[in-house]
Structure formats: C-alpha cells, structure tokens
Amino acid sequence: MAALPTAVMPLTGGAIEFTPAAGGGDTCQTGAGVLLLVKNGDASSHTVTLVTPGTVNGLAIADRAIVVAAGAELGIPVTHDYRNSSTGRASITYDGVTSVEVAVIRVPV
C-alpha cells in the first residue's frame, strides 16, 4: 500500500497533484476537511472502497464502496470513521487501477 500525501489547500486555492492509484491499495490521512479525489480516465467504471475498521456490538461495520463512473471525477470525504487505530490512516482499495488517479487534499474547516 502506498501512503498518499495530503496537500493542504490555502484559502486562495491551489494546484492538485494526482498520482496513479496503487494496485495493492493506498492509505491516507483522515479527518475534518480531508477529501480523497478520484479521477477515472478508464472506459469502465471502477469501485473505490474505504475500509471501515470499527465494530458495533461485535458486528463489523460495512466498508464504504463508491462507484466512479467512466471518465468521472469524484471527491470522497475521509472522516475519522475510517481511521485505523493501529496505523492512524484510512485504507483504500480499488477494483482496478487502469487509468485511475488519486489525490488527497485537506481544506480549511
């Protein structure tokens, strides 16, 4: 898994640098104002999954799967709900990484 860096956006705006999604998945920071940006340049849709590490009454909480349509760009909030207590980061997986690029930004809240 690759550790995606978090770009802190100034109030005046800033450039976003995308990187190819890692075949084995990625990790990223969590918190208020943190967004995972996904650019799908493929001709097929892809599913991005945020792993939810918690449980409720001993039952696992379902992971969040988000479908990114072909040619689409999405911003996905990465709240502390996805924070793994042992790593302090969220785990992200992809059903495929062909032409998928990602970036993580944090905006002022």
C-alpha atoms as a PDB file:
ATOM      1  CA  MET A   1       0.000   0.000   0.000  1.00  0.00           C
ATOM      2  CA  ALA A   2       1.205   3.449  -0.880  1.00  0.00           C
ATOM      3  CA  ALA A   3       0.858   6.283   1.647  1.00  0.00           C
ATOM      4  CA  LEU A   4      -0.794   9.150  -0.200  1.00  0.00           C
ATOM      5  CA  PRO A   5       0.422  12.608   0.878  1.00  0.00           C
ATOM      6  CA  THR A   6      -2.119  15.217   1.939  1.00  0.00           C
ATOM      7  CA  ALA A   7      -1.986  18.618   0.247  1.00  0.00           C
ATOM      8  CA  VAL A   8      -3.292  21.401   2.482  1.00  0.00           C
ATOM      9  CA  MET A   9      -5.276  23.820   0.326  1.00  0.00           C
ATOM     10  CA  PRO A  10      -4.828  27.504   1.097  1.00  0.00           C
ATOM     11  CA  LEU A  11      -7.876  29.753   1.150  1.00  0.00           C
ATOM     12  CA  THR A  12      -6.707  31.214  -2.167  1.00  0.00           C
ATOM     13  CA  GLY A  13      -6.837  27.790  -3.838  1.00  0.00           C
ATOM     14  CA  GLY A  14      -4.059  25.570  -5.070  1.00  0.00           C
ATOM     15  CA  ALA A  15      -2.947  23.065  -7.662  1.00  0.00           C
ATOM     16  CA  ILE A  16      -3.854  19.417  -7.176  1.00  0.00           C
ATOM     17  CA  GLU A  17      -1.236  16.809  -7.995  1.00  0.00           C
ATOM     18  CA  PHE A  18      -2.695  13.415  -8.853  1.00  0.00           C
ATOM     19  CA  THR A  19      -0.801  10.143  -8.643  1.00  0.00           C
ATOM     20  CA  PRO A  20      -1.696   6.721 -10.109  1.00  0.00           C
ATOM     21  CA  ALA A  21      -3.770   4.552  -7.758  1.00  0.00           C
ATOM     22  CA  ALA A  22      -1.719   1.658  -6.362  1.00  0.00           C
ATOM     23  CA  GLY A  23      -2.756  -1.854  -7.362  1.00  0.00           C
ATOM     24  CA  GLY A  24      -2.378  -3.050  -3.770  1.00  0.00           C
ATOM     25  CA  GLY A  25      -4.350  -0.108  -2.421  1.00  0.00           C
ATOM     26  CA  ASP A  26      -3.406   3.138  -0.708  1.00  0.00           C
ATOM     27  CA  THR A  27      -3.626   4.765   2.706  1.00  0.00           C
ATOM     28  CA  CYS A  28      -4.377   8.373   3.570  1.00  0.00           C
ATOM     29  CA  GLN A  29      -4.890  10.825   6.396  1.00  0.00           C
ATOM     30  CA  THR A  30      -8.373  11.131   7.905  1.00  0.00           C
ATOM     31  CA  GLY A  31     -10.261  13.998   9.491  1.00  0.00           C
ATOM     32  CA  ALA A  32     -12.489  17.003   9.015  1.00  0.00           C
ATOM     33  CA  GLY A  33     -11.976  18.585   5.611  1.00  0.00           C
ATOM     34  CA  VAL A  34      -9.994  15.646   4.172  1.00  0.00           C
ATOM     35  CA  LEU A  35     -11.068  14.587   0.678  1.00  0.00           C
ATOM     36  CA  LEU A  36      -9.903  11.711  -1.495  1.00  0.00           C
ATOM     37  CA  LEU A  37     -10.100  12.922  -5.089  1.00  0.00           C
ATOM     38  CA  VAL A  38     -10.503  10.182  -7.690  1.00  0.00           C
ATOM     39  CA  LYS A  39     -10.110  10.674 -11.436  1.00  0.00           C
ATOM     40  CA  ASN A  40     -11.262   7.725 -13.557  1.00  0.00           C
ATOM     41  CA  GLY A  41      -9.874   8.059 -17.075  1.00  0.00           C
ATOM     42  CA  ASP A  42     -10.805   4.474 -17.953  1.00  0.00           C
ATOM     43  CA  ALA A  43     -13.614   3.434 -20.320  1.00  0.00           C
ATOM     44  CA  SER A  44     -15.134   1.387 -17.475  1.00  0.00           C
ATOM     45  CA  SER A  45     -16.404   2.372 -14.056  1.00  0.00           C
ATOM     46  CA  HIS A  46     -14.300   1.481 -11.008  1.00  0.00           C
ATOM     47  CA  THR A  47     -15.181   0.945  -7.370  1.00  0.00           C
ATOM     48  CA  VAL A  48     -13.179   2.675  -4.642  1.00  0.00           C
ATOM     49  CA  THR A  49     -13.576   1.140  -1.186  1.00  0.00           C
ATOM     50  CA  LEU A  50     -12.828   2.866   2.116  1.00  0.00           C
ATOM     51  CA  VAL A  51     -12.236   0.246   4.787  1.00  0.00           C
ATOM     52  CA  THR A  52     -14.271   0.802   7.963  1.00  0.00           C
ATOM     53  CA  PRO A  53     -12.208  -0.687  10.803  1.00  0.00           C
ATOM     54  CA  GLY A  54     -14.816  -0.457  13.593  1.00  0.00           C
ATOM     55  CA  THR A  55     -17.450  -2.731  15.053  1.00  0.00           C
ATOM     56  CA  VAL A  56     -20.785  -2.165  16.789  1.00  0.00           C
ATOM     57  CA  ASN A  57     -21.796  -4.722  19.414  1.00  0.00           C
ATOM     58  CA  GLY A  58     -19.230  -7.122  17.973  1.00  0.00           C
ATOM     59  CA  LEU A  59     -20.542  -6.774  14.414  1.00  0.00           C
ATOM     60  CA  ALA A  60     -18.286  -5.432  11.672  1.00  0.00           C
ATOM     61  CA  ILE A  61     -19.295  -2.138  10.096  1.00  0.00           C
ATOM     62  CA  ALA A  62     -19.603  -2.497   6.327  1.00  0.00           C
ATOM     63  CA  ASP A  63     -16.913  -0.874   4.208  1.00  0.00           C
ATOM     64  CA  ARG A  64     -17.969   2.092   2.051  1.00  0.00           C
ATOM     65  CA  ALA A  65     -17.855   1.285  -1.682  1.00  0.00           C
ATOM     66  CA  ILE A  66     -18.133   4.206  -4.106  1.00  0.00           C
ATOM     67  CA  VAL A  67     -18.558   3.674  -7.846  1.00  0.00           C
ATOM     68  CA  VAL A  68     -16.666   6.156 -10.013  1.00  0.00           C
ATOM     69  CA  ALA A  69     -18.178   6.205 -13.496  1.00  0.00           C
ATOM     70  CA  ALA A  70     -16.004   6.061 -16.604  1.00  0.00           C
ATOM     71  CA  GLY A  71     -14.478   9.483 -17.261  1.00  0.00           C
ATOM     72  CA  ALA A  72     -15.750  10.875 -13.943  1.00  0.00           C
ATOM     73  CA  GLU A  73     -14.009  12.705 -11.118  1.00  0.00           C
ATOM     74  CA  LEU A  74     -15.238  12.426  -7.519  1.00  0.00           C
ATOM     75  CA  GLY A  75     -14.371  13.916  -4.148  1.00  0.00           C
ATOM     76  CA  ILE A  76     -14.885  11.489  -1.258  1.00  0.00           C
ATOM     77  CA  PRO A  77     -14.808  12.720   2.363  1.00  0.00           C
ATOM     78  CA  VAL A  78     -12.421  10.661   4.521  1.00  0.00           C
ATOM     79  CA  THR A  79     -13.625  11.251   8.085  1.00  0.00           C
ATOM     80  CA  HIS A  80     -12.139   9.745  11.231  1.00  0.00           C
ATOM     81  CA  ASP A  81     -14.716   6.928  10.880  1.00  0.00           C
ATOM     82  CA  TYR A  82     -12.203   5.303   8.500  1.00  0.00           C
ATOM     83  CA  ARG A  83      -9.148   5.775  10.756  1.00  0.00           C
ATOM     84  CA  ASN A  84      -7.372   2.543  11.600  1.00  0.00           C
ATOM     85  CA  SER A  85      -6.310   2.810  15.247  1.00  0.00           C
ATOM     86  CA  SER A  86      -3.037   0.949  14.667  1.00  0.00           C
ATOM     87  CA  THR A  87      -1.855   2.998  11.661  1.00  0.00           C
ATOM     88  CA  GLY A  88      -3.748   6.256  12.171  1.00  0.00           C
ATOM     89  CA  ARG A  89      -4.676   6.222   8.478  1.00  0.00           C
ATOM     90  CA  ALA A  90      -7.551   5.104   6.254  1.00  0.00           C
ATOM     91  CA  SER A  91      -7.100   2.089   3.963  1.00  0.00           C
ATOM     92  CA  ILE A  92      -8.344   2.395   0.390  1.00  0.00           C
ATOM     93  CA  THR A  93      -8.737  -0.378  -2.171  1.00  0.00           C
ATOM     94  CA  TYR A  94      -9.712  -0.326  -5.834  1.00  0.00           C
ATOM     95  CA  ASP A  95     -11.384  -2.955  -8.027  1.00  0.00           C
ATOM     96  CA  GLY A  96      -8.973  -1.897 -10.780  1.00  0.00           C
ATOM     97  CA  VAL A  97      -6.415   0.855 -11.248  1.00  0.00           C
ATOM     98  CA  THR A  98      -6.258   1.222 -15.030  1.00  0.00           C
ATOM     99  CA  SER A  99      -6.286   4.983 -15.731  1.00  0.00           C
ATOM    100  CA  VAL A 100      -7.294   5.767 -12.127  1.00  0.00           C
ATOM    101  CA  GLU A 101      -5.529   8.671 -10.443  1.00  0.00           C
ATOM    102  CA  VAL A 102      -5.940   9.884  -6.867  1.00  0.00           C
ATOM    103  CA  ALA A 103      -5.025  12.812  -4.649  1.00  0.00           C
ATOM    104  CA  VAL A 104      -5.750  13.722  -1.048  1.00  0.00           C
ATOM    105  CA  ILE A 105      -6.444  17.288  -0.002  1.00  0.00           C
ATOM    106  CA  ARG A 106      -7.401  18.935   3.251  1.00  0.00           C
ATOM    107  CA  VAL A 107      -9.476  22.094   3.089  1.00  0.00           C
ATOM    108  CA  PRO A 108      -9.922  24.615   5.919  1.00  0.00           C
ATOM    109  CA  VAL A 109     -12.975  23.878   8.081  1.00  0.00           C
END
